[in-house]
Protein backbone atom coordinates (compact mmCIF):
# COMPACT_ATOMS: atom_id res chain seq x y z
CA MET A 1 8.40 -19.50 15.26
CA LYS A 2 5.49 -17.49 13.91
CA HIS A 3 6.39 -13.74 12.94
CA SER A 4 4.43 -11.09 11.30
CA GLY A 5 6.22 -9.64 8.05
CA SER A 6 8.21 -6.46 9.41
CA GLU A 7 9.24 -9.08 12.63
CA LEU A 8 10.44 -11.96 9.89
CA GLU A 9 12.13 -9.33 7.85
CA HIS A 10 14.03 -7.86 11.21
CA SER A 11 14.57 -11.77 12.03
CA LEU A 12 16.49 -12.18 8.62
CA HIS A 13 18.50 -8.82 8.83
CA ALA A 14 19.78 -10.18 12.14
CA PHE A 15 20.10 -13.43 10.83
CA VAL A 16 22.72 -12.24 8.30
CA ASP A 17 24.44 -9.90 10.38
CA GLY A 18 24.93 -12.74 12.74
CA GLU A 19 22.79 -11.32 15.66
CA LEU A 20 20.65 -14.10 16.52
CA ASN A 21 20.84 -16.50 19.63
CA GLN A 22 21.37 -20.37 18.93
CA PRO A 23 17.42 -21.11 19.18
CA GLU A 24 16.41 -18.46 16.94
CA GLN A 25 19.12 -19.16 14.44
CA ARG A 26 17.86 -22.91 14.60
CA ASP A 27 14.39 -22.06 14.20
CA LEU A 28 15.07 -19.76 11.23
CA LEU A 29 17.48 -22.09 9.61
CA VAL A 30 14.60 -24.83 9.87
CA ARG A 31 12.03 -22.59 8.21
CA MET A 32 14.57 -21.94 5.29
CA GLU A 33 14.97 -25.27 4.85
CA ASN A 34 11.26 -25.64 3.75
CA ASP A 35 10.63 -21.96 2.10
CA GLU A 36 12.68 -21.06 -1.10
CA THR A 37 11.39 -17.66 -1.15
CA LEU A 38 13.23 -17.20 2.60
CA ARG A 39 16.18 -18.58 1.02
CA GLU A 40 16.01 -16.34 -1.77
CA ARG A 41 15.55 -13.46 0.68
CA VAL A 42 18.34 -14.38 2.82
CA CYS A 43 20.83 -14.83 -0.21
CA ASP A 44 19.26 -11.52 -1.42
CA LEU A 45 20.18 -9.63 1.79
CA ARG A 46 23.63 -11.04 1.96
CA ASN A 47 24.65 -10.18 -1.37
CA ALA A 48 23.37 -6.42 -0.40
CA LYS A 49 25.51 -6.54 2.56
CA GLU A 50 28.59 -7.38 0.54
CA TRP A 51 28.05 -5.39 -1.96
CA ILE A 52 27.92 -2.37 0.22
CA LYS A 53 30.73 -4.06 2.43
CA SER A 54 32.86 -3.61 -0.96
CA SER A 55 31.68 -0.35 -2.00
CA PHE A 56 33.53 1.05 1.05
CA GLU A 57 36.25 -1.36 0.86
CA GLY A 58 39.71 1.09 1.32
CA GLU A 59 37.65 4.13 2.22
CA THR A 60 37.81 6.17 5.61
CA ALA A 61 35.91 7.82 7.42
CA PRO A 62 35.87 11.52 6.81
CA THR A 63 37.54 13.92 9.48
CA ARG A 64 36.75 17.88 9.99
CA SER A 65 36.68 20.24 12.69
CA LEU A 66 33.33 21.67 14.13
CA PRO A 67 33.25 25.15 12.85
CA GLY A 68 35.23 27.96 14.34
CA GLY A 69 37.76 25.16 15.40
CA HIS A 70 35.93 24.23 18.86
CA SER A 71 36.52 20.63 19.83
CA PRO A 72 33.21 18.77 21.50
CA PHE A 73 35.26 17.85 24.52
CA ARG A 74 36.99 21.26 25.36
CA ARG A 75 34.49 22.51 27.70
CA LEU A 76 35.24 19.03 29.40
CA ILE A 77 38.69 19.64 29.73
CA THR A 78 38.80 23.01 30.90
């Protein structure tokens, strides 16, 4: 599994998010066994993900009407 820097970074993010298929995940885990820097990067990404997740814990997305009280679906209904 040979990656350029940006491809590897994308794979690391996908790994942390649980988006890799089994062969990709297995290949990355093997690489991580032999590369301390890679393990540290994955740890940093996991910590950042958890930090962001906890920052928004208990928050709800704001809701608002469009200017003028128009619904984006009004034209579909009428």
